[in-house]
Amino acid sequence: MSGKLWFVSGLAIGYVLGTRAGREKYDELVANARQLWQHPTVQEAAGVVQAQSQRLVSEGRRRLEQQA
């Protein structure tokens, strides 16, 4: 029985320590992703992709309307 108690205690301690480290790493990843997304080069590329996708959607709609 004491072996199970030690095992469960070890799991509990590992879980608590792991979640703290995990949350810190997660927060670090989120901060890095936000910083990257706010970079002017990334914003410019996102604007280009958005403009091209809107153009393609408009072109696709136009072609569908011509076929109908």
N, C-alpha and C. Protein backbone atom coordinates (compact mmCIF):
# COMPACT_ATOMS: atom_id res chain seq x y z
N MET A 1 0.82 -1.20 0.00
CA MET A 1 0.00 0.00 0.00
C MET A 1 0.87 1.26 0.00
N SER A 2 1.98 1.24 0.73
CA SER A 2 2.81 2.43 0.78
C SER A 2 3.46 2.70 -0.57
N GLY A 3 3.68 1.63 -1.37
CA GLY A 3 4.23 1.82 -2.71
C GLY A 3 3.28 2.60 -3.59
N LYS A 4 1.99 2.28 -3.46
CA LYS A 4 0.98 3.01 -4.24
C LYS A 4 0.90 4.46 -3.80
N LEU A 5 1.03 4.69 -2.50
CA LEU A 5 0.98 6.06 -1.98
C LEU A 5 2.15 6.87 -2.53
N TRP A 6 3.35 6.28 -2.56
CA TRP A 6 4.51 6.98 -3.11
C TRP A 6 4.32 7.24 -4.60
N PHE A 7 3.77 6.26 -5.30
CA PHE A 7 3.53 6.41 -6.73
C PHE A 7 2.56 7.54 -7.02
N VAL A 8 1.44 7.56 -6.30
CA VAL A 8 0.43 8.60 -6.49
C VAL A 8 1.00 9.96 -6.10
N SER A 9 1.78 10.01 -5.02
CA SER A 9 2.40 11.27 -4.61
C SER A 9 3.36 11.77 -5.69
N GLY A 10 4.13 10.85 -6.25
CA GLY A 10 5.06 11.22 -7.32
C GLY A 10 4.32 11.74 -8.54
N LEU A 11 3.22 11.09 -8.89
CA LEU A 11 2.41 11.58 -10.01
C LEU A 11 1.87 12.98 -9.75
N ALA A 12 1.38 13.20 -8.53
CA ALA A 12 0.83 14.51 -8.19
C ALA A 12 1.90 15.60 -8.26
N ILE A 13 3.06 15.32 -7.72
CA ILE A 13 4.15 16.31 -7.75
C ILE A 13 4.60 16.55 -9.19
N GLY A 14 4.75 15.48 -9.95
CA GLY A 14 5.14 15.63 -11.35
C GLY A 14 4.12 16.41 -12.16
N TYR A 15 2.85 16.17 -11.87
CA TYR A 15 1.79 16.90 -12.58
C TYR A 15 1.86 18.39 -12.28
N VAL A 16 1.99 18.72 -11.00
CA VAL A 16 2.04 20.14 -10.61
C VAL A 16 3.25 20.82 -11.22
N LEU A 17 4.40 20.21 -11.13
CA LEU A 17 5.61 20.82 -11.69
C LEU A 17 5.54 20.89 -13.21
N GLY A 18 5.00 19.86 -13.83
CA GLY A 18 4.88 19.84 -15.29
C GLY A 18 3.92 20.87 -15.82
N THR A 19 2.82 21.07 -15.13
CA THR A 19 1.86 22.06 -15.61
C THR A 19 2.39 23.47 -15.45
N ARG A 20 3.15 23.70 -14.42
CA ARG A 20 3.74 25.03 -14.27
C ARG A 20 4.74 25.31 -15.38
N ALA A 21 5.61 24.36 -15.65
CA ALA A 21 6.59 24.53 -16.73
C ALA A 21 5.87 24.59 -18.06
N GLY A 22 4.84 23.78 -18.21
CA GLY A 22 4.08 23.77 -19.46
C GLY A 22 3.39 25.09 -19.71
N ARG A 23 2.81 25.66 -18.70
CA ARG A 23 2.11 26.94 -18.85
C ARG A 23 3.09 28.06 -19.19
N GLU A 24 4.25 28.03 -18.56
CA GLU A 24 5.26 29.05 -18.85
C GLU A 24 5.73 28.94 -20.30
N LYS A 25 5.96 27.73 -20.75
CA LYS A 25 6.38 27.53 -22.14
C LYS A 25 5.28 27.95 -23.10
N TYR A 26 4.04 27.62 -22.75
CA TYR A 26 2.90 28.01 -23.58
C TYR A 26 2.81 29.53 -23.68
N ASP A 27 2.92 30.20 -22.55
CA ASP A 27 2.87 31.67 -22.55
C ASP A 27 4.01 32.26 -23.37
N GLU A 28 5.18 31.63 -23.29
CA GLU A 28 6.33 32.10 -24.07
C GLU A 28 6.07 31.94 -25.57
N LEU A 29 5.50 30.79 -25.95
CA LEU A 29 5.17 30.57 -27.36
C LEU A 29 4.14 31.57 -27.86
N VAL A 30 3.13 31.85 -27.05
CA VAL A 30 2.10 32.80 -27.43
C VAL A 30 2.70 34.19 -27.61
N ALA A 31 3.56 34.60 -26.70
CA ALA A 31 4.19 35.91 -26.79
C ALA A 31 5.05 36.01 -28.05
N ASN A 32 5.79 34.95 -28.35
CA ASN A 32 6.62 34.96 -29.56
C ASN A 32 5.77 35.00 -30.82
N ALA A 33 4.67 34.27 -30.82
CA ALA A 33 3.78 34.27 -31.99
C ALA A 33 3.16 35.64 -32.20
N ARG A 34 2.76 36.28 -31.12
CA ARG A 34 2.18 37.64 -31.24
C ARG A 34 3.22 38.63 -31.75
N GLN A 35 4.44 38.51 -31.25
CA GLN A 35 5.51 39.40 -31.69
C GLN A 35 5.79 39.19 -33.17
N LEU A 36 5.82 37.94 -33.60
CA LEU A 36 6.05 37.63 -35.01
C LEU A 36 4.92 38.17 -35.86
N TRP A 37 3.68 37.99 -35.43
CA TRP A 37 2.53 38.43 -36.21
C TRP A 37 2.53 39.95 -36.37
N GLN A 38 3.03 40.67 -35.37
CA GLN A 38 3.02 42.13 -35.43
C GLN A 38 4.20 42.69 -36.20
N HIS A 39 5.09 41.85 -36.66
CA HIS A 39 6.26 42.30 -37.42
C HIS A 39 5.77 42.89 -38.75
N PRO A 40 6.31 44.04 -39.18
CA PRO A 40 5.84 44.69 -40.41
C PRO A 40 5.93 43.80 -41.65
N THR A 41 6.96 43.01 -41.77
CA THR A 41 7.10 42.15 -42.95
C THR A 41 5.98 41.11 -42.99
N VAL A 42 5.65 40.54 -41.84
CA VAL A 42 4.58 39.55 -41.77
C VAL A 42 3.24 40.22 -42.09
N GLN A 43 3.02 41.40 -41.57
CA GLN A 43 1.77 42.12 -41.84
C GLN A 43 1.64 42.45 -43.32
N GLU A 44 2.75 42.83 -43.93
CA GLU A 44 2.72 43.13 -45.36
C GLU A 44 2.39 41.88 -46.17
N ALA A 45 3.03 40.77 -45.82
CA ALA A 45 2.76 39.51 -46.52
C ALA A 45 1.31 39.09 -46.31
N ALA A 46 0.79 39.28 -45.13
CA ALA A 46 -0.61 38.92 -44.86
C ALA A 46 -1.55 39.78 -45.69
N GLY A 47 -1.22 41.04 -45.85
CA GLY A 47 -2.04 41.92 -46.68
C GLY A 47 -2.04 41.49 -48.14
N VAL A 48 -0.88 41.08 -48.63
CA VAL A 48 -0.78 40.61 -50.01
C VAL A 48 -1.61 39.34 -50.19
N VAL A 49 -1.49 38.41 -49.26
CA VAL A 49 -2.25 37.16 -49.34
C VAL A 49 -3.75 37.44 -49.29
N GLN A 50 -4.15 38.34 -48.43
CA GLN A 50 -5.57 38.68 -48.32
C GLN A 50 -6.08 39.30 -49.63
N ALA A 51 -5.32 40.20 -50.21
CA ALA A 51 -5.73 40.83 -51.47
C ALA A 51 -5.82 39.80 -52.59
N GLN A 52 -4.86 38.90 -52.67
CA GLN A 52 -4.90 37.88 -53.71
C GLN A 52 -6.07 36.92 -53.52
N SER A 53 -6.33 36.55 -52.27
CA SER A 53 -7.45 35.63 -52.04
C SER A 53 -8.78 36.30 -52.37
N GLN A 54 -8.92 37.57 -52.07
CA GLN A 54 -10.15 38.28 -52.42
C GLN A 54 -10.31 38.37 -53.93
N ARG A 55 -9.20 38.58 -54.63
CA ARG A 55 -9.24 38.63 -56.09
C ARG A 55 -9.65 37.27 -56.66
N LEU A 56 -9.10 36.21 -56.12
CA LEU A 56 -9.43 34.87 -56.61
C LEU A 56 -10.90 34.53 -56.34
N VAL A 57 -11.40 34.91 -55.19
CA VAL A 57 -12.81 34.66 -54.87
C VAL A 57 -13.71 35.44 -55.83
N SER A 58 -13.38 36.68 -56.07
CA SER A 58 -14.17 37.49 -57.00
C SER A 58 -14.14 36.90 -58.40
N GLU A 59 -12.98 36.47 -58.84
CA GLU A 59 -12.84 35.85 -60.16
C GLU A 59 -13.63 34.55 -60.23
N GLY A 60 -13.57 33.76 -59.19
CA GLY A 60 -14.33 32.51 -59.16
C GLY A 60 -15.83 32.75 -59.21
N ARG A 61 -16.30 33.72 -58.47
CA ARG A 61 -17.73 34.06 -58.48
C ARG A 61 -18.16 34.53 -59.87
N ARG A 62 -17.31 35.36 -60.46
CA ARG A 62 -17.63 35.87 -61.79
C ARG A 62 -17.75 34.73 -62.80
N ARG A 63 -16.82 33.78 -62.74
CA ARG A 63 -16.86 32.65 -63.67
C ARG A 63 -18.08 31.76 -63.43
N LEU A 64 -18.44 31.57 -62.16
CA LEU A 64 -19.63 30.77 -61.86
C LEU A 64 -20.89 31.45 -62.38
N GLU A 65 -20.96 32.76 -62.24
CA GLU A 65 -22.13 33.49 -62.73
C GLU A 65 -22.23 33.43 -64.26
N GLN A 66 -21.10 33.43 -64.94
CA GLN A 66 -21.09 33.34 -66.40
C GLN A 66 -21.56 31.98 -66.87
N GLN A 67 -21.26 30.93 -66.10
CA GLN A 67 -21.67 29.57 -66.49
C GLN A 67 -23.16 29.34 -66.25
N ALA A 68 -23.72 30.05 -65.32
CA ALA A 68 -25.13 29.80 -64.96
C ALA A 68 -26.10 30.41 -65.91
